[in-house]
Amino acid sequence: MTSTLWIIFWGAILTYLTRVGGHLVLSRFDRVHPVEAGLNAVPAAVLTTLVAPAAVQAGPAELVALAVAAIVSLRAGLLTMFLVGAVVLVVGRQFVA
């Protein structure tokens, strides 16, 4: 196998082991409210780490799509927010770029 496939393979294995290990450790303890609140915030933190670099290096079409998606997220669900943001991004890239 090529080195790229090995990296993907071991990355997947380590990600799986990390998730299983976290589940096994946390299943042994009672969840206290602050810990549960922190665990519920993890998906937002991961999303932020994915969106923030793109927002810093974004052009006008990306910034408009991000703003529209943020506004839509206040009233609509996740799928609606994603679809509206994607449509605005595609249209914006067609007319701005």
C-alpha atoms as a PDB file:
ATOM      1  CA  MET A   1       0.000   0.000   0.000  1.00  0.00           C
ATOM      2  CA  THR A   2       1.058   3.552  -0.559  1.00  0.00           C
ATOM      3  CA  SER A   3       1.941   5.786   2.353  1.00  0.00           C
ATOM      4  CA  THR A   4      -1.251   7.799   1.822  1.00  0.00           C
ATOM      5  CA  LEU A   5      -3.402   4.706   2.279  1.00  0.00           C
ATOM      6  CA  TRP A   6      -1.463   3.743   5.413  1.00  0.00           C
ATOM      7  CA  ILE A   7      -2.034   7.210   6.856  1.00  0.00           C
ATOM      8  CA  ILE A   8      -5.761   6.973   6.120  1.00  0.00           C
ATOM      9  CA  PHE A   9      -5.943   3.457   7.553  1.00  0.00           C
ATOM     10  CA  TRP A  10      -4.121   4.245  10.801  1.00  0.00           C
ATOM     11  CA  GLY A  11      -5.931   7.556  11.161  1.00  0.00           C
ATOM     12  CA  ALA A  12      -9.259   5.720  10.968  1.00  0.00           C
ATOM     13  CA  ILE A  13      -8.131   3.068  13.462  1.00  0.00           C
ATOM     14  CA  LEU A  14      -6.850   5.649  15.948  1.00  0.00           C
ATOM     15  CA  THR A  15      -9.994   7.754  15.602  1.00  0.00           C
ATOM     16  CA  TYR A  16     -12.141   4.707  16.286  1.00  0.00           C
ATOM     17  CA  LEU A  17     -10.034   3.684  19.294  1.00  0.00           C
ATOM     18  CA  THR A  18     -10.208   7.218  20.678  1.00  0.00           C
ATOM     19  CA  ARG A  19     -13.997   7.237  20.447  1.00  0.00           C
ATOM     20  CA  VAL A  20     -14.372   3.776  21.969  1.00  0.00           C
ATOM     21  CA  GLY A  21     -11.889   4.609  24.725  1.00  0.00           C
ATOM     22  CA  GLY A  22     -13.734   7.802  25.582  1.00  0.00           C
ATOM     23  CA  HIS A  23     -17.025   5.932  25.716  1.00  0.00           C
ATOM     24  CA  LEU A  24     -15.589   3.209  27.944  1.00  0.00           C
ATOM     25  CA  VAL A  25     -14.071   5.719  30.359  1.00  0.00           C
ATOM     26  CA  LEU A  26     -17.147   7.960  30.555  1.00  0.00           C
ATOM     27  CA  SER A  27     -19.571   5.051  30.912  1.00  0.00           C
ATOM     28  CA  ARG A  28     -18.009   4.211  34.290  1.00  0.00           C
ATOM     29  CA  PHE A  29     -18.908   7.563  35.861  1.00  0.00           C
ATOM     30  CA  ASP A  30     -22.120   9.386  36.638  1.00  0.00           C
ATOM     31  CA  ARG A  31     -22.395  12.470  34.513  1.00  0.00           C
ATOM     32  CA  VAL A  32     -22.537  15.698  36.437  1.00  0.00           C
ATOM     33  CA  HIS A  33     -24.257  18.672  34.854  1.00  0.00           C
ATOM     34  CA  PRO A  34     -21.091  20.695  34.009  1.00  0.00           C
ATOM     35  CA  VAL A  35     -19.440  17.665  32.423  1.00  0.00           C
ATOM     36  CA  GLU A  36     -22.509  16.882  30.362  1.00  0.00           C
ATOM     37  CA  ALA A  37     -22.751  20.516  29.253  1.00  0.00           C
ATOM     38  CA  GLY A  38     -19.106  20.392  28.218  1.00  0.00           C
ATOM     39  CA  LEU A  39     -19.608  17.176  26.259  1.00  0.00           C
ATOM     40  CA  ASN A  40     -22.626  18.680  24.517  1.00  0.00           C
ATOM     41  CA  ALA A  41     -20.455  21.631  23.443  1.00  0.00           C
ATOM     42  CA  VAL A  42     -17.848  19.431  21.742  1.00  0.00           C
ATOM     43  CA  PRO A  43     -19.629  19.266  18.342  1.00  0.00           C
ATOM     44  CA  ALA A  44     -19.835  23.072  18.262  1.00  0.00           C
ATOM     45  CA  ALA A  45     -16.133  23.309  19.101  1.00  0.00           C
ATOM     46  CA  VAL A  46     -15.233  20.897  16.311  1.00  0.00           C
ATOM     47  CA  LEU A  47     -17.429  22.799  13.876  1.00  0.00           C
ATOM     48  CA  THR A  48     -15.731  26.027  14.897  1.00  0.00           C
ATOM     49  CA  THR A  49     -12.307  24.564  14.183  1.00  0.00           C
ATOM     50  CA  LEU A  50     -13.497  23.646  10.702  1.00  0.00           C
ATOM     51  CA  VAL A  51     -15.277  26.919   9.899  1.00  0.00           C
ATOM     52  CA  ALA A  52     -12.884  29.451  11.451  1.00  0.00           C
ATOM     53  CA  PRO A  53      -9.880  28.891   9.129  1.00  0.00           C
ATOM     54  CA  ALA A  54     -12.131  28.954   6.078  1.00  0.00           C
ATOM     55  CA  ALA A  55     -13.789  32.160   7.282  1.00  0.00           C
ATOM     56  CA  VAL A  56     -10.437  33.876   7.802  1.00  0.00           C
ATOM     57  CA  GLN A  57      -9.254  33.063   4.278  1.00  0.00           C
ATOM     58  CA  ALA A  58     -12.661  33.456   2.646  1.00  0.00           C
ATOM     59  CA  GLY A  59     -13.643  35.674  -0.191  1.00  0.00           C
ATOM     60  CA  PRO A  60     -16.833  37.711  -0.404  1.00  0.00           C
ATOM     61  CA  ALA A  61     -18.995  34.813  -1.624  1.00  0.00           C
ATOM     62  CA  GLU A  62     -17.923  32.612   1.282  1.00  0.00           C
ATOM     63  CA  LEU A  63     -18.475  35.347   3.857  1.00  0.00           C
ATOM     64  CA  VAL A  64     -21.972  36.075   2.531  1.00  0.00           C
ATOM     65  CA  ALA A  65     -22.831  32.349   2.552  1.00  0.00           C
ATOM     66  CA  LEU A  66     -21.519  32.038   6.104  1.00  0.00           C
ATOM     67  CA  ALA A  67     -23.567  35.032   7.267  1.00  0.00           C
ATOM     68  CA  VAL A  68     -26.735  33.783   5.562  1.00  0.00           C
ATOM     69  CA  ALA A  69     -26.248  30.293   7.031  1.00  0.00           C
ATOM     70  CA  ALA A  70     -25.767  31.798  10.495  1.00  0.00           C
ATOM     71  CA  ILE A  71     -28.990  33.809  10.169  1.00  0.00           C
ATOM     72  CA  VAL A  72     -30.943  30.802   8.851  1.00  0.00           C
ATOM     73  CA  SER A  73     -29.618  28.653  11.714  1.00  0.00           C
ATOM     74  CA  LEU A  74     -31.433  30.875  14.197  1.00  0.00           C
ATOM     75  CA  ARG A  75     -34.835  29.850  12.841  1.00  0.00           C
ATOM     76  CA  ALA A  76     -34.414  26.642  10.821  1.00  0.00           C
ATOM     77  CA  GLY A  77     -32.917  23.218  11.291  1.00  0.00           C
ATOM     78  CA  LEU A  78     -29.452  21.967  10.474  1.00  0.00           C
ATOM     79  CA  LEU A  79     -30.306  20.559   7.047  1.00  0.00           C
ATOM     80  CA  THR A  80     -32.087  23.730   5.964  1.00  0.00           C
ATOM     81  CA  MET A  81     -29.172  25.847   7.157  1.00  0.00           C
ATOM     82  CA  PHE A  82     -26.694  23.689   5.253  1.00  0.00           C
ATOM     83  CA  LEU A  83     -28.717  23.696   2.037  1.00  0.00           C
ATOM     84  CA  VAL A  84     -29.345  27.450   2.096  1.00  0.00           C
ATOM     85  CA  GLY A  85     -25.666  28.123   2.836  1.00  0.00           C
ATOM     86  CA  ALA A  86     -24.563  25.812   0.025  1.00  0.00           C
ATOM     87  CA  VAL A  87     -26.946  27.400  -2.493  1.00  0.00           C
ATOM     88  CA  VAL A  88     -25.849  30.906  -1.538  1.00  0.00           C
ATOM     89  CA  LEU A  89     -22.203  29.845  -1.840  1.00  0.00           C
ATOM     90  CA  VAL A  90     -22.659  28.270  -5.268  1.00  0.00           C
ATOM     91  CA  VAL A  91     -24.632  31.249  -6.600  1.00  0.00           C
ATOM     92  CA  GLY A  92     -22.176  33.691  -5.049  1.00  0.00           C
ATOM     93  CA  ARG A  93     -19.183  31.958  -6.605  1.00  0.00           C
ATOM     94  CA  GLN A  94     -20.864  32.024 -10.006  1.00  0.00           C
ATOM     95  CA  PHE A  95     -21.524  35.749  -9.940  1.00  0.00           C
ATOM     96  CA  VAL A  96     -18.663  37.082  -7.819  1.00  0.00           C
ATOM     97  CA  ALA A  97     -15.761  35.011  -9.117  1.00  0.00           C
END
